[in-house]
PDB file of N, CA and C in Angstrom:
ATOM      1  N   MET A   1      -0.975  -1.352 -28.520  1.00  0.00           N
ATOM      2  CA  MET A   1      -2.111  -2.231 -28.480  1.00  0.00           C
ATOM      3  C   MET A   1      -3.206  -1.622 -27.630  1.00  0.00           C
ATOM      4  N   CYS A   2      -2.961  -1.517 -26.362  1.00  0.00           N
ATOM      5  CA  CYS A   2      -3.969  -0.977 -25.466  1.00  0.00           C
ATOM      6  C   CYS A   2      -3.766   0.521 -25.349  1.00  0.00           C
ATOM      7  N   SER A   3      -4.830   1.236 -25.488  1.00  0.00           N
ATOM      8  CA  SER A   3      -4.710   2.678 -25.399  1.00  0.00           C
ATOM      9  C   SER A   3      -5.854   3.249 -24.563  1.00  0.00           C
ATOM     10  N   PRO A   4      -5.749   3.081 -23.240  1.00  0.00           N
ATOM     11  CA  PRO A   4      -6.805   3.623 -22.392  1.00  0.00           C
ATOM     12  C   PRO A   4      -6.823   5.143 -22.458  1.00  0.00           C
ATOM     13  N   LYS A   5      -8.007   5.702 -22.315  1.00  0.00           N
ATOM     14  CA  LYS A   5      -8.132   7.163 -22.345  1.00  0.00           C
ATOM     15  C   LYS A   5      -7.767   7.775 -21.005  1.00  0.00           C
ATOM     16  N   LYS A   6      -8.057   7.077 -19.925  1.00  0.00           N
ATOM     17  CA  LYS A   6      -7.728   7.576 -18.589  1.00  0.00           C
ATOM     18  C   LYS A   6      -6.630   6.703 -18.011  1.00  0.00           C
ATOM     19  N   VAL A   7      -5.659   7.345 -17.385  1.00  0.00           N
ATOM     20  CA  VAL A   7      -4.569   6.626 -16.731  1.00  0.00           C
ATOM     21  C   VAL A   7      -4.375   7.187 -15.323  1.00  0.00           C
ATOM     22  N   LYS A   8      -3.753   6.402 -14.489  1.00  0.00           N
ATOM     23  CA  LYS A   8      -3.497   6.810 -13.112  1.00  0.00           C
ATOM     24  C   LYS A   8      -2.027   7.161 -12.971  1.00  0.00           C
ATOM     25  N   CYS A   9      -1.766   8.308 -12.399  1.00  0.00           N
ATOM     26  CA  CYS A   9      -0.390   8.771 -12.206  1.00  0.00           C
ATOM     27  C   CYS A   9       0.338   7.846 -11.237  1.00  0.00           C
ATOM     28  N   PHE A  10       1.580   7.513 -11.567  1.00  0.00           N
ATOM     29  CA  PHE A  10       2.386   6.648 -10.711  1.00  0.00           C
ATOM     30  C   PHE A  10       2.880   7.378  -9.466  1.00  0.00           C
ATOM     31  N   LYS A  11       2.884   8.702  -9.495  1.00  0.00           N
ATOM     32  CA  LYS A  11       3.412   9.482  -8.375  1.00  0.00           C
ATOM     33  C   LYS A  11       2.311   9.971  -7.442  1.00  0.00           C
ATOM     34  N   CYS A  12       1.345  10.741  -7.958  1.00  0.00           N
ATOM     35  CA  CYS A  12       0.291  11.300  -7.091  1.00  0.00           C
ATOM     36  C   CYS A  12      -0.928  10.385  -7.002  1.00  0.00           C
ATOM     37  N   PHE A  13      -0.976   9.361  -7.860  1.00  0.00           N
ATOM     38  CA  PHE A  13      -2.014   8.336  -7.839  1.00  0.00           C
ATOM     39  C   PHE A  13      -3.401   8.867  -8.183  1.00  0.00           C
ATOM     40  N   GLU A  14      -3.457   9.974  -8.911  1.00  0.00           N
ATOM     41  CA  GLU A  14      -4.724  10.535  -9.369  1.00  0.00           C
ATOM     42  C   GLU A  14      -4.950  10.148 -10.833  1.00  0.00           C
ATOM     43  N   TRP A  15      -6.203  10.017 -11.231  1.00  0.00           N
ATOM     44  CA  TRP A  15      -6.559   9.709 -12.615  1.00  0.00           C
ATOM     45  C   TRP A  15      -6.493  10.971 -13.457  1.00  0.00           C
ATOM     46  N   PHE A  16      -6.058  10.818 -14.710  1.00  0.00           N
ATOM     47  CA  PHE A  16      -6.144  11.929 -15.657  1.00  0.00           C
ATOM     48  C   PHE A  16      -6.431  11.397 -17.051  1.00  0.00           C
ATOM     49  N   ASP A  17      -6.998  12.250 -17.866  1.00  0.00           N
ATOM     50  CA  ASP A  17      -7.395  11.900 -19.223  1.00  0.00           C
ATOM     51  C   ASP A  17      -6.231  12.174 -20.169  1.00  0.00           C
ATOM     52  N   LYS A  18      -5.752  11.139 -20.856  1.00  0.00           N
ATOM     53  CA  LYS A  18      -4.619  11.314 -21.779  1.00  0.00           C
ATOM     54  C   LYS A  18      -4.959  12.238 -22.938  1.00  0.00           C
ATOM     55  N   SER A  19      -6.207  12.252 -23.355  1.00  0.00           N
ATOM     56  CA  SER A  19      -6.565  13.086 -24.500  1.00  0.00           C
ATOM     57  C   SER A  19      -6.506  14.575 -24.156  1.00  0.00           C
ATOM     58  N   ASP A  20      -6.596  14.910 -22.866  1.00  0.00           N
ATOM     59  CA  ASP A  20      -6.462  16.301 -22.430  1.00  0.00           C
ATOM     60  C   ASP A  20      -5.011  16.679 -22.196  1.00  0.00           C
ATOM     61  N   ASN A  21      -4.123  15.713 -22.325  1.00  0.00           N
ATOM     62  CA  ASN A  21      -2.721  15.918 -21.975  1.00  0.00           C
ATOM     63  C   ASN A  21      -1.844  15.294 -23.047  1.00  0.00           C
ATOM     64  N   ASP A  22      -1.345  16.097 -23.959  1.00  0.00           N
ATOM     65  CA  ASP A  22      -0.512  15.562 -25.035  1.00  0.00           C
ATOM     66  C   ASP A  22       0.975  15.715 -24.736  1.00  0.00           C
ATOM     67  N   GLN A  23       1.305  15.875 -23.465  1.00  0.00           N
ATOM     68  CA  GLN A  23       2.701  16.034 -23.082  1.00  0.00           C
ATOM     69  C   GLN A  23       3.343  14.687 -22.780  1.00  0.00           C
ATOM     70  N   GLU A  24       3.800  14.029 -23.820  1.00  0.00           N
ATOM     71  CA  GLU A  24       4.500  12.767 -23.646  1.00  0.00           C
ATOM     72  C   GLU A  24       5.977  13.074 -23.443  1.00  0.00           C
ATOM     73  N   CYS A  25       6.578  12.505 -22.417  1.00  0.00           N
ATOM     74  CA  CYS A  25       7.988  12.760 -22.117  1.00  0.00           C
ATOM     75  C   CYS A  25       8.874  12.143 -23.204  1.00  0.00           C
ATOM     76  N   PRO A  26       9.771  12.920 -23.802  1.00  0.00           N
ATOM     77  CA  PRO A  26      10.642  12.376 -24.848  1.00  0.00           C
ATOM     78  C   PRO A  26      11.658  11.371 -24.315  1.00  0.00           C
ATOM     79  N   LYS A  27      11.963  11.441 -23.018  1.00  0.00           N
ATOM     80  CA  LYS A  27      12.967  10.531 -22.456  1.00  0.00           C
ATOM     81  C   LYS A  27      12.381   9.158 -22.097  1.00  0.00           C
ATOM     82  N   CYS A  28      11.246   9.158 -21.379  1.00  0.00           N
ATOM     83  CA  CYS A  28      10.717   7.877 -20.893  1.00  0.00           C
ATOM     84  C   CYS A  28       9.514   7.374 -21.685  1.00  0.00           C
ATOM     85  N   GLY A  29       8.889   8.237 -22.490  1.00  0.00           N
ATOM     86  CA  GLY A  29       7.737   7.819 -23.271  1.00  0.00           C
ATOM     87  C   GLY A  29       6.433   7.820 -22.509  1.00  0.00           C
ATOM     88  N   ASP A  30       6.479   8.226 -21.257  1.00  0.00           N
ATOM     89  CA  ASP A  30       5.287   8.256 -20.429  1.00  0.00           C
ATOM     90  C   ASP A  30       4.593   9.612 -20.562  1.00  0.00           C
ATOM     91  N   PHE A  31       3.312   9.644 -20.271  1.00  0.00           N
ATOM     92  CA  PHE A  31       2.589  10.913 -20.261  1.00  0.00           C
ATOM     93  C   PHE A  31       2.881  11.637 -18.951  1.00  0.00           C
ATOM     94  N   LYS A  32       3.107  12.940 -19.036  1.00  0.00           N
ATOM     95  CA  LYS A  32       3.313  13.726 -17.821  1.00  0.00           C
ATOM     96  C   LYS A  32       1.957  14.005 -17.185  1.00  0.00           C
ATOM     97  N   CYS A  33       1.873  13.802 -15.896  1.00  0.00           N
ATOM     98  CA  CYS A  33       0.643  14.035 -15.163  1.00  0.00           C
ATOM     99  C   CYS A  33       0.346  15.536 -15.133  1.00  0.00           C
ATOM    100  N   PRO A  34      -0.848  15.946 -15.556  1.00  0.00           N
ATOM    101  CA  PRO A  34      -1.174  17.368 -15.532  1.00  0.00           C
ATOM    102  C   PRO A  34      -1.377  17.908 -14.114  1.00  0.00           C
ATOM    103  N   LEU A  35      -1.527  17.013 -13.143  1.00  0.00           N
ATOM    104  CA  LEU A  35      -1.757  17.440 -11.767  1.00  0.00           C
ATOM    105  C   LEU A  35      -0.454  17.670 -10.996  1.00  0.00           C
ATOM    106  N   CYS A  36       0.512  16.764 -11.153  1.00  0.00           N
ATOM    107  CA  CYS A  36       1.761  16.902 -10.399  1.00  0.00           C
ATOM    108  C   CYS A  36       2.988  17.038 -11.295  1.00  0.00           C
ATOM    109  N   GLY A  37       2.815  16.848 -12.600  1.00  0.00           N
ATOM    110  CA  GLY A  37       3.923  17.000 -13.539  1.00  0.00           C
ATOM    111  C   GLY A  37       4.856  15.808 -13.639  1.00  0.00           C
ATOM    112  N   ALA A  38       4.535  14.733 -12.940  1.00  0.00           N
ATOM    113  CA  ALA A  38       5.422  13.570 -12.918  1.00  0.00           C
ATOM    114  C   ALA A  38       5.242  12.690 -14.152  1.00  0.00           C
ATOM    115  N   CYS A  39       6.319  12.022 -14.504  1.00  0.00           N
ATOM    116  CA  CYS A  39       6.325  10.951 -15.493  1.00  0.00           C
ATOM    117  C   CYS A  39       7.246   9.877 -14.922  1.00  0.00           C
ATOM    118  N   MET A  40       7.568   8.853 -15.682  1.00  0.00           N
ATOM    119  CA  MET A  40       8.435   7.802 -15.152  1.00  0.00           C
ATOM    120  C   MET A  40       9.823   8.314 -14.770  1.00  0.00           C
ATOM    121  N   CYS A  41      10.253   9.404 -15.363  1.00  0.00           N
ATOM    122  CA  CYS A  41      11.568   9.971 -15.036  1.00  0.00           C
ATOM    123  C   CYS A  41      11.666  10.360 -13.558  1.00  0.00           C
ATOM    124  N   ARG A  42      10.544  10.650 -12.934  1.00  0.00           N
ATOM    125  CA  ARG A  42      10.536  11.084 -11.537  1.00  0.00           C
ATOM    126  C   ARG A  42      10.487   9.904 -10.556  1.00  0.00           C
ATOM    127  N   LEU A  43      10.522   8.686 -11.080  1.00  0.00           N
ATOM    128  CA  LEU A  43      10.487   7.503 -10.232  1.00  0.00           C
ATOM    129  C   LEU A  43      11.895   6.991  -9.968  1.00  0.00           C
ATOM    130  N   THR A  44      12.075   6.261  -8.871  1.00  0.00           N
ATOM    131  CA  THR A  44      13.345   5.607  -8.597  1.00  0.00           C
ATOM    132  C   THR A  44      13.525   4.455  -9.582  1.00  0.00           C
ATOM    133  N   ASP A  45      14.716   3.925  -9.681  1.00  0.00           N
ATOM    134  CA  ASP A  45      14.953   2.789 -10.577  1.00  0.00           C
ATOM    135  C   ASP A  45      14.076   1.596 -10.202  1.00  0.00           C
ATOM    136  N   ASN A  46      13.917   1.331  -8.916  1.00  0.00           N
ATOM    137  CA  ASN A  46      13.066   0.210  -8.492  1.00  0.00           C
ATOM    138  C   ASN A  46      11.611   0.466  -8.839  1.00  0.00           C
ATOM    139  N   GLU A  47      11.148   1.706  -8.682  1.00  0.00           N
ATOM    140  CA  GLU A  47       9.779   2.040  -9.065  1.00  0.00           C
ATOM    141  C   GLU A  47       9.594   1.894 -10.576  1.00  0.00           C
ATOM    142  N   LYS A  48      10.582   2.306 -11.353  1.00  0.00           N
ATOM    143  CA  LYS A  48      10.514   2.162 -12.812  1.00  0.00           C
ATOM    144  C   LYS A  48      10.405   0.692 -13.201  1.00  0.00           C
ATOM    145  N   LYS A  49      11.182  -0.158 -12.526  1.00  0.00           N
ATOM    146  CA  LYS A  49      11.125  -1.594 -12.812  1.00  0.00           C
ATOM    147  C   LYS A  49       9.725  -2.141 -12.560  1.00  0.00           C
ATOM    148  N   LEU A  50       9.107  -1.729 -11.468  1.00  0.00           N
ATOM    149  CA  LEU A  50       7.748  -2.178 -11.159  1.00  0.00           C
ATOM    150  C   LEU A  50       6.764  -1.721 -12.229  1.00  0.00           C
ATOM    151  N   VAL A  51       6.859  -0.458 -12.610  1.00  0.00           N
ATOM    152  CA  VAL A  51       5.945   0.086 -13.626  1.00  0.00           C
ATOM    153  C   VAL A  51       6.131  -0.646 -14.954  1.00  0.00           C
ATOM    154  N   LEU A  52       7.372  -0.804 -15.383  1.00  0.00           N
ATOM    155  CA  LEU A  52       7.631  -1.469 -16.668  1.00  0.00           C
ATOM    156  C   LEU A  52       7.215  -2.939 -16.630  1.00  0.00           C
ATOM    157  N   ALA A  53       7.399  -3.591 -15.483  1.00  0.00           N
ATOM    158  CA  ALA A  53       6.968  -4.988 -15.361  1.00  0.00           C
ATOM    159  C   ALA A  53       5.450  -5.085 -15.475  1.00  0.00           C
ATOM    160  N   MET A  54       4.738  -4.153 -14.851  1.00  0.00           N
ATOM    161  CA  MET A  54       3.273  -4.165 -14.930  1.00  0.00           C
ATOM    162  C   MET A  54       2.791  -3.871 -16.346  1.00  0.00           C
ATOM    163  N   ILE A  55       3.411  -2.884 -17.005  1.00  0.00           N
ATOM    164  CA  ILE A  55       3.035  -2.567 -18.387  1.00  0.00           C
ATOM    165  C   ILE A  55       3.264  -3.784 -19.278  1.00  0.00           C
ATOM    166  N   SER A  56       4.431  -4.383 -19.141  1.00  0.00           N
ATOM    167  CA  SER A  56       4.780  -5.536 -19.978  1.00  0.00           C
ATOM    168  C   SER A  56       3.838  -6.720 -19.721  1.00  0.00           C
ATOM    169  N   THR A  57       3.541  -6.986 -18.458  1.00  0.00           N
ATOM    170  CA  THR A  57       2.628  -8.076 -18.110  1.00  0.00           C
ATOM    171  C   THR A  57       1.236  -7.830 -18.682  1.00  0.00           C
ATOM    172  N   TYR A  58       0.736  -6.629 -18.496  1.00  0.00           N
ATOM    173  CA  TYR A  58      -0.602  -6.260 -18.967  1.00  0.00           C
ATOM    174  C   TYR A  58      -0.691  -6.337 -20.487  1.00  0.00           C
ATOM    175  N   GLU A  59       0.300  -5.788 -21.165  1.00  0.00           N
ATOM    176  CA  GLU A  59       0.276  -5.778 -22.627  1.00  0.00           C
ATOM    177  C   GLU A  59       0.457  -7.178 -23.203  1.00  0.00           C
ATOM    178  N   THR A  60       1.265  -8.013 -22.561  1.00  0.00           N
ATOM    179  CA  THR A  60       1.429  -9.398 -23.018  1.00  0.00           C
ATOM    180  C   THR A  60       0.124 -10.162 -22.852  1.00  0.00           C
ATOM    181  N   PHE A  61      -0.560  -9.936 -21.732  1.00  0.00           N
ATOM    182  CA  PHE A  61      -1.863 -10.554 -21.504  1.00  0.00           C
ATOM    183  C   PHE A  61      -2.856 -10.141 -22.592  1.00  0.00           C
ATOM    184  N   LEU A  62      -2.903  -8.837 -22.894  1.00  0.00           N
ATOM    185  CA  LEU A  62      -3.822  -8.357 -23.922  1.00  0.00           C
ATOM    186  C   LEU A  62      -3.444  -8.873 -25.308  1.00  0.00           C
ATOM    187  N   LYS A  63      -2.145  -9.006 -25.553  1.00  0.00           N
ATOM    188  CA  LYS A  63      -1.696  -9.541 -26.844  1.00  0.00           C
ATOM    189  C   LYS A  63      -2.243 -10.954 -27.045  1.00  0.00           C
ATOM    190  N   LYS A  64      -2.188 -11.757 -26.000  1.00  0.00           N
ATOM    191  CA  LYS A  64      -2.710 -13.127 -26.099  1.00  0.00           C
ATOM    192  C   LYS A  64      -4.217 -13.127 -26.302  1.00  0.00           C
ATOM    193  N   LYS A  65      -4.898 -12.168 -25.693  1.00  0.00           N
ATOM    194  CA  LYS A  65      -6.356 -12.093 -25.807  1.00  0.00           C
ATOM    195  C   LYS A  65      -6.807 -11.477 -27.124  1.00  0.00           C
ATOM    196  N   LEU A  66      -6.103 -10.420 -27.580  1.00  0.00           N
ATOM    197  CA  LEU A  66      -6.547  -9.670 -28.756  1.00  0.00           C
ATOM    198  C   LEU A  66      -5.708  -9.912 -30.006  1.00  0.00           C
ATOM    199  N   GLY A  67      -4.503 -10.469 -29.822  1.00  0.00           N
ATOM    200  CA  GLY A  67      -3.676 -10.822 -30.960  1.00  0.00           C
ATOM    201  C   GLY A  67      -2.912  -9.692 -31.632  1.00  0.00           C
ATOM    202  N   THR A  68      -2.758  -8.561 -30.975  1.00  0.00           N
ATOM    203  CA  THR A  68      -1.969  -7.472 -31.554  1.00  0.00           C
ATOM    204  C   THR A  68      -0.846  -7.088 -30.611  1.00  0.00           C
ATOM    205  N   ASP A  69       0.197  -6.495 -31.170  1.00  0.00           N
ATOM    206  CA  ASP A  69       1.373  -6.133 -30.388  1.00  0.00           C
ATOM    207  C   ASP A  69       1.296  -4.719 -29.837  1.00  0.00           C
ATOM    208  N   TYR A  70       1.879  -4.546 -28.662  1.00  0.00           N
ATOM    209  CA  TYR A  70       2.062  -3.236 -28.054  1.00  0.00           C
ATOM    210  C   TYR A  70       3.460  -2.768 -28.429  1.00  0.00           C
ATOM    211  N   ASP A  71       3.583  -1.519 -28.823  1.00  0.00           N
ATOM    212  CA  ASP A  71       4.892  -0.971 -29.174  1.00  0.00           C
ATOM    213  C   ASP A  71       5.610  -0.547 -27.897  1.00  0.00           C
ATOM    214  N   PHE A  72       6.432  -1.450 -27.376  1.00  0.00           N
ATOM    215  CA  PHE A  72       7.152  -1.197 -26.131  1.00  0.00           C
ATOM    216  C   PHE A  72       8.406  -0.356 -26.364  1.00  0.00           C
ATOM    217  N   GLU A  73       8.717  -0.031 -27.608  1.00  0.00           N
ATOM    218  CA  GLU A  73       9.934   0.715 -27.938  1.00  0.00           C
ATOM    219  C   GLU A  73      10.054   2.045 -27.205  1.00  0.00           C
ATOM    220  N   LYS A  74       8.923   2.720 -26.975  1.00  0.00           N
ATOM    221  CA  LYS A  74       9.005   4.020 -26.315  1.00  0.00           C
ATOM    222  C   LYS A  74       9.491   3.896 -24.877  1.00  0.00           C
ATOM    223  N   HIS A  75       9.391   2.712 -24.292  1.00  0.00           N
ATOM    224  CA  HIS A  75       9.872   2.488 -22.930  1.00  0.00           C
ATOM    225  C   HIS A  75      11.225   1.771 -22.902  1.00  0.00           C
ATOM    226  N   LYS A  76      11.719   1.366 -24.068  1.00  0.00           N
ATOM    227  CA  LYS A  76      12.938   0.556 -24.157  1.00  0.00           C
ATOM    228  C   LYS A  76      14.156   1.257 -23.556  1.00  0.00           C
ATOM    229  N   LYS A  77      14.302   2.566 -23.809  1.00  0.00           N
ATOM    230  CA  LYS A  77      15.467   3.295 -23.307  1.00  0.00           C
ATOM    231  C   LYS A  77      15.524   3.276 -21.784  1.00  0.00           C
ATOM    232  N   ILE A  78      14.402   3.505 -21.132  1.00  0.00           N
ATOM    233  CA  ILE A  78      14.367   3.472 -19.666  1.00  0.00           C
ATOM    234  C   ILE A  78      14.648   2.079 -19.158  1.00  0.00           C
ATOM    235  N   GLU A  79      14.094   1.078 -19.827  1.00  0.00           N
ATOM    236  CA  GLU A  79      14.333  -0.310 -19.413  1.00  0.00           C
ATOM    237  C   GLU A  79      15.815  -0.639 -19.510  1.00  0.00           C
ATOM    238  N   GLU A  80      16.475  -0.210 -20.556  1.00  0.00           N
ATOM    239  CA  GLU A  80      17.904  -0.461 -20.731  1.00  0.00           C
ATOM    240  C   GLU A  80      18.743   0.276 -19.681  1.00  0.00           C
ATOM    241  N   GLU A  81      18.330   1.483 -19.305  1.00  0.00           N
ATOM    242  CA  GLU A  81      19.074   2.273 -18.320  1.00  0.00           C
ATOM    243  C   GLU A  81      19.044   1.649 -16.927  1.00  0.00           C
ATOM    244  N   ILE A  82      17.944   0.985 -16.577  1.00  0.00           N
ATOM    245  CA  ILE A  82      17.829   0.447 -15.217  1.00  0.00           C
ATOM    246  C   ILE A  82      18.274  -0.998 -15.110  1.00  0.00           C
ATOM    247  N   ASN A  83      18.560  -1.639 -16.216  1.00  0.00           N
ATOM    248  CA  ASN A  83      19.032  -3.033 -16.164  1.00  0.00           C
ATOM    249  C   ASN A  83      20.509  -3.139 -16.156  1.00  0.00           C
TER     250      ASN A  83
END
């Protein structure tokens, strides 16, 4: 549903442009930060829970506002591993 062009790294907290970085992690579905190389795989289980909760909350909010679904499947494997 939501596809921002710029995202903030969960590890180094720097902004990066997704269109300049096509390295999506096959395990977690997150984009690897071009600055520090981190993706959700580099987070602790508690940090992953926070990130997934924020993504889910944000996408659910946008779904109610815009009426389209976010494909959460790419994050499903990580969510299942930490629950």
